[in-house]
Amino acid sequence: MRATIICVVWLLHKMTRDHPDNQEIGFDVGTTKQFYEVATLIDQGHHVFVMLFDEPGSYKVADKVRIKAGHQEEYLESIDENGNATTSLFELPAWTEEA
């Protein structure tokens, strides 16, 4: 029997500025996190955003991520600035492994 495993791992980057007035933002190298670890960060008051490839060497902030109550469990959902659900989480790289 062959099973397909969908890997859902996030690469989170901490955003920093040297000064509040500085428009340039720096990112660390990133840390891999499982979806439940991302949900914990949001529960703790951290802001999580979806970053998508824009052009060579450049990324853009697409949407914010929130925890949404589902029928049986909570899940992560990307939202625009007005709180409307978006598809940007589906645009993130994903892969499957055959077991």
N, C-alpha and C. Protein backbone atom coordinates (compact mmCIF):
# COMPACT_ATOMS: atom_id res chain seq x y z
N MET A 1 0.85 -1.19 0.00
CA MET A 1 0.00 0.00 0.00
C MET A 1 0.88 1.24 0.00
N ARG A 2 0.54 2.19 -0.81
CA ARG A 2 1.30 3.42 -0.93
C ARG A 2 0.50 4.58 -0.34
N ALA A 3 1.15 5.39 0.46
CA ALA A 3 0.48 6.54 1.09
C ALA A 3 1.14 7.83 0.62
N THR A 4 0.35 8.85 0.48
CA THR A 4 0.87 10.17 0.14
C THR A 4 0.86 11.02 1.40
N ILE A 5 2.01 11.58 1.71
CA ILE A 5 2.15 12.42 2.89
C ILE A 5 2.30 13.85 2.41
N ILE A 6 1.44 14.73 2.86
CA ILE A 6 1.56 16.14 2.51
C ILE A 6 2.33 16.83 3.63
N CYS A 7 3.45 17.42 3.27
CA CYS A 7 4.30 18.08 4.26
C CYS A 7 3.88 19.53 4.40
N VAL A 8 3.48 19.90 5.59
CA VAL A 8 3.08 21.28 5.84
C VAL A 8 4.06 21.84 6.87
N VAL A 9 5.10 22.46 6.37
CA VAL A 9 6.12 23.06 7.23
C VAL A 9 6.27 24.51 6.80
N TRP A 10 6.30 25.38 7.76
CA TRP A 10 6.43 26.81 7.49
C TRP A 10 7.88 27.21 7.74
N LEU A 11 8.37 28.15 6.97
CA LEU A 11 9.66 28.76 7.22
C LEU A 11 9.38 30.17 7.70
N LEU A 12 9.59 30.39 9.00
CA LEU A 12 9.30 31.69 9.59
C LEU A 12 10.57 32.52 9.70
N HIS A 13 10.46 33.80 9.37
CA HIS A 13 11.56 34.75 9.46
C HIS A 13 11.18 35.84 10.44
N LYS A 14 12.06 36.15 11.37
CA LYS A 14 11.81 37.25 12.29
C LYS A 14 12.18 38.55 11.60
N MET A 15 11.26 39.51 11.66
CA MET A 15 11.43 40.81 11.03
C MET A 15 12.02 41.79 12.03
N THR A 16 13.01 42.58 11.61
CA THR A 16 13.61 43.56 12.52
C THR A 16 13.86 44.88 11.79
N ARG A 17 13.90 45.95 12.57
CA ARG A 17 14.28 47.29 12.09
C ARG A 17 15.28 47.85 13.08
N ASP A 18 16.28 48.62 12.57
CA ASP A 18 17.24 49.22 13.50
C ASP A 18 16.61 50.38 14.26
N HIS A 19 15.60 51.01 13.66
CA HIS A 19 14.96 52.17 14.29
C HIS A 19 13.51 52.22 13.80
N PRO A 20 12.56 52.61 14.66
CA PRO A 20 11.14 52.65 14.26
C PRO A 20 10.86 53.50 13.01
N ASP A 21 11.67 54.55 12.77
CA ASP A 21 11.46 55.43 11.62
C ASP A 21 12.08 54.87 10.33
N ASN A 22 12.92 53.85 10.46
CA ASN A 22 13.59 53.28 9.30
C ASN A 22 12.59 52.43 8.50
N GLN A 23 12.51 52.66 7.19
CA GLN A 23 11.60 51.91 6.34
C GLN A 23 12.16 50.55 5.92
N GLU A 24 13.49 50.37 6.03
CA GLU A 24 14.09 49.10 5.65
C GLU A 24 13.89 48.06 6.74
N ILE A 25 13.49 46.88 6.32
CA ILE A 25 13.23 45.79 7.26
C ILE A 25 14.21 44.66 6.95
N GLY A 26 14.76 44.08 7.99
CA GLY A 26 15.67 42.95 7.83
C GLY A 26 15.00 41.66 8.29
N PHE A 27 15.44 40.53 7.72
CA PHE A 27 14.90 39.22 8.10
C PHE A 27 16.03 38.31 8.52
N ASP A 28 15.78 37.45 9.51
CA ASP A 28 16.77 36.44 9.86
C ASP A 28 16.70 35.30 8.84
N VAL A 29 17.54 34.27 9.01
CA VAL A 29 17.61 33.18 8.04
C VAL A 29 16.37 32.30 8.03
N GLY A 30 15.59 32.34 9.07
CA GLY A 30 14.35 31.57 9.11
C GLY A 30 14.46 30.29 9.92
N THR A 31 13.33 29.88 10.47
CA THR A 31 13.23 28.68 11.27
C THR A 31 12.02 27.90 10.79
N THR A 32 12.17 26.60 10.62
CA THR A 32 11.02 25.79 10.20
C THR A 32 10.10 25.56 11.39
N LYS A 33 8.81 25.64 11.15
CA LYS A 33 7.79 25.44 12.18
C LYS A 33 6.64 24.62 11.61
N GLN A 34 6.02 23.82 12.44
CA GLN A 34 4.81 23.10 12.08
C GLN A 34 3.63 24.07 12.21
N PHE A 35 2.49 23.74 11.60
CA PHE A 35 1.35 24.66 11.62
C PHE A 35 0.88 24.96 13.04
N TYR A 36 0.95 23.97 13.94
CA TYR A 36 0.49 24.21 15.31
C TYR A 36 1.43 25.15 16.06
N GLU A 37 2.71 25.17 15.68
CA GLU A 37 3.66 26.11 16.30
C GLU A 37 3.36 27.53 15.82
N VAL A 38 2.95 27.68 14.57
CA VAL A 38 2.55 28.98 14.05
C VAL A 38 1.30 29.46 14.79
N ALA A 39 0.34 28.55 14.99
CA ALA A 39 -0.89 28.91 15.72
C ALA A 39 -0.56 29.35 17.14
N THR A 40 0.39 28.70 17.77
CA THR A 40 0.79 29.09 19.13
C THR A 40 1.37 30.50 19.14
N LEU A 41 2.19 30.82 18.15
CA LEU A 41 2.75 32.18 18.07
C LEU A 41 1.63 33.22 17.94
N ILE A 42 0.64 32.93 17.12
CA ILE A 42 -0.48 33.85 16.95
C ILE A 42 -1.26 33.98 18.26
N ASP A 43 -1.50 32.86 18.93
CA ASP A 43 -2.19 32.88 20.23
C ASP A 43 -1.43 33.74 21.24
N GLN A 44 -0.10 33.77 21.13
CA GLN A 44 0.73 34.53 22.07
C GLN A 44 0.80 36.01 21.70
N GLY A 45 0.12 36.42 20.63
CA GLY A 45 0.08 37.82 20.26
C GLY A 45 1.03 38.23 19.15
N HIS A 46 1.78 37.29 18.59
CA HIS A 46 2.68 37.61 17.48
C HIS A 46 1.88 37.78 16.19
N HIS A 47 2.40 38.58 15.28
CA HIS A 47 1.78 38.78 13.98
C HIS A 47 2.50 37.91 12.96
N VAL A 48 1.75 37.16 12.16
CA VAL A 48 2.32 36.30 11.13
C VAL A 48 1.75 36.74 9.79
N PHE A 49 2.63 36.93 8.82
CA PHE A 49 2.23 37.38 7.49
C PHE A 49 2.71 36.38 6.44
N VAL A 50 2.00 36.30 5.33
CA VAL A 50 2.41 35.48 4.20
C VAL A 50 3.30 36.34 3.32
N MET A 51 4.51 35.84 3.02
CA MET A 51 5.45 36.52 2.14
C MET A 51 5.52 35.73 0.85
N LEU A 52 5.25 36.37 -0.28
CA LEU A 52 5.27 35.69 -1.57
C LEU A 52 6.34 36.30 -2.47
N PHE A 53 6.89 35.49 -3.37
CA PHE A 53 7.88 35.93 -4.33
C PHE A 53 7.27 37.02 -5.21
N ASP A 54 7.99 38.10 -5.39
CA ASP A 54 7.50 39.22 -6.19
C ASP A 54 8.26 39.32 -7.50
N GLU A 55 9.58 39.42 -7.41
CA GLU A 55 10.45 39.48 -8.57
C GLU A 55 11.82 39.01 -8.10
N PRO A 56 12.78 38.77 -9.01
CA PRO A 56 14.07 38.26 -8.56
C PRO A 56 14.67 39.07 -7.41
N GLY A 57 14.95 38.38 -6.30
CA GLY A 57 15.53 39.02 -5.13
C GLY A 57 14.56 39.82 -4.30
N SER A 58 13.26 39.69 -4.56
CA SER A 58 12.29 40.52 -3.87
C SER A 58 11.04 39.71 -3.49
N TYR A 59 10.54 39.98 -2.30
CA TYR A 59 9.32 39.35 -1.82
C TYR A 59 8.36 40.43 -1.37
N LYS A 60 7.08 40.10 -1.31
CA LYS A 60 6.08 41.08 -0.86
C LYS A 60 5.23 40.44 0.25
N VAL A 61 4.76 41.30 1.13
CA VAL A 61 3.82 40.84 2.16
C VAL A 61 2.47 40.70 1.47
N ALA A 62 1.93 39.49 1.47
CA ALA A 62 0.65 39.28 0.81
C ALA A 62 -0.49 39.52 1.78
N ASP A 63 -0.54 38.76 2.85
CA ASP A 63 -1.66 38.84 3.79
C ASP A 63 -1.23 38.45 5.19
N LYS A 64 -2.09 38.75 6.14
CA LYS A 64 -1.88 38.36 7.53
C LYS A 64 -2.49 36.96 7.73
N VAL A 65 -2.00 36.23 8.73
CA VAL A 65 -2.52 34.90 9.03
C VAL A 65 -3.23 34.96 10.38
N ARG A 66 -4.40 34.31 10.44
CA ARG A 66 -5.14 34.25 11.70
C ARG A 66 -5.57 32.81 11.96
N ILE A 67 -6.03 32.57 13.17
CA ILE A 67 -6.59 31.27 13.52
C ILE A 67 -8.09 31.36 13.34
N LYS A 68 -8.64 30.43 12.60
CA LYS A 68 -10.08 30.43 12.30
C LYS A 68 -10.71 29.19 12.92
N ALA A 69 -11.83 29.36 13.59
CA ALA A 69 -12.54 28.22 14.16
C ALA A 69 -13.21 27.43 13.04
N GLY A 70 -12.99 26.12 13.03
CA GLY A 70 -13.61 25.26 12.03
C GLY A 70 -14.72 24.44 12.65
N HIS A 71 -15.27 23.53 11.87
CA HIS A 71 -16.35 22.67 12.35
C HIS A 71 -15.89 21.79 13.51
N GLN A 72 -14.71 21.15 13.35
CA GLN A 72 -14.20 20.28 14.41
C GLN A 72 -12.91 20.79 15.02
N GLU A 73 -12.10 21.48 14.24
CA GLU A 73 -10.82 21.97 14.72
C GLU A 73 -10.55 23.37 14.19
N GLU A 74 -9.60 24.06 14.82
CA GLU A 74 -9.17 25.36 14.32
C GLU A 74 -8.20 25.16 13.17
N TYR A 75 -8.08 26.16 12.31
CA TYR A 75 -7.12 26.09 11.22
C TYR A 75 -6.57 27.49 10.96
N LEU A 76 -5.49 27.54 10.19
CA LEU A 76 -4.89 28.82 9.84
C LEU A 76 -5.50 29.33 8.54
N GLU A 77 -5.73 30.64 8.49
CA GLU A 77 -6.35 31.25 7.32
C GLU A 77 -5.64 32.57 7.03
N SER A 78 -5.40 32.84 5.75
CA SER A 78 -4.83 34.13 5.38
C SER A 78 -5.97 35.12 5.13
N ILE A 79 -5.74 36.37 5.53
CA ILE A 79 -6.77 37.41 5.40
C ILE A 79 -6.15 38.70 4.86
N ASP A 80 -6.96 39.48 4.17
CA ASP A 80 -6.48 40.77 3.68
C ASP A 80 -6.65 41.83 4.78
N GLU A 81 -6.34 43.08 4.45
CA GLU A 81 -6.39 44.15 5.46
C GLU A 81 -7.79 44.42 5.98
N ASN A 82 -8.83 43.96 5.27
CA ASN A 82 -10.21 44.13 5.73
C ASN A 82 -10.76 42.92 6.46
N GLY A 83 -9.91 41.88 6.65
CA GLY A 83 -10.34 40.68 7.36
C GLY A 83 -11.02 39.64 6.48
N ASN A 84 -10.98 39.83 5.16
CA ASN A 84 -11.59 38.86 4.24
C ASN A 84 -10.60 37.72 3.94
N ALA A 85 -11.09 36.50 3.89
CA ALA A 85 -10.25 35.34 3.59
C ALA A 85 -9.64 35.47 2.20
N THR A 86 -8.36 35.04 2.08
CA THR A 86 -7.66 35.07 0.79
C THR A 86 -7.09 33.68 0.49
N THR A 87 -6.47 33.56 -0.67
CA THR A 87 -5.88 32.28 -1.08
C THR A 87 -4.36 32.28 -0.98
N SER A 88 -3.75 33.30 -0.38
CA SER A 88 -2.29 33.40 -0.40
C SER A 88 -1.59 32.24 0.30
N LEU A 89 -2.21 31.61 1.29
CA LEU A 89 -1.58 30.43 1.91
C LEU A 89 -1.43 29.30 0.91
N PHE A 90 -2.35 29.20 -0.04
CA PHE A 90 -2.29 28.15 -1.05
C PHE A 90 -1.19 28.42 -2.09
N GLU A 91 -0.71 29.65 -2.13
CA GLU A 91 0.34 30.02 -3.08
C GLU A 91 1.74 29.72 -2.54
N LEU A 92 1.84 29.35 -1.26
CA LEU A 92 3.13 29.01 -0.68
C LEU A 92 3.62 27.67 -1.24
N PRO A 93 4.94 27.48 -1.34
CA PRO A 93 5.45 26.19 -1.84
C PRO A 93 5.00 25.04 -0.96
N ALA A 94 4.66 23.93 -1.59
CA ALA A 94 4.25 22.70 -0.87
C ALA A 94 4.79 21.50 -1.65
N TRP A 95 4.88 20.38 -1.01
CA TRP A 95 5.35 19.17 -1.67
C TRP A 95 4.71 17.96 -1.04
N THR A 96 4.76 16.86 -1.75
CA THR A 96 4.24 15.59 -1.21
C THR A 96 5.34 14.55 -1.28
N GLU A 97 5.25 13.56 -0.43
CA GLU A 97 6.20 12.45 -0.42
C GLU A 97 5.43 11.16 -0.52
N GLU A 98 5.92 10.27 -1.34
CA GLU A 98 5.31 8.94 -1.45
C GLU A 98 5.95 8.04 -0.41
N ALA A 99 5.13 7.36 0.38
CA ALA A 99 5.67 6.45 1.41
C ALA A 99 5.34 5.01 1.05
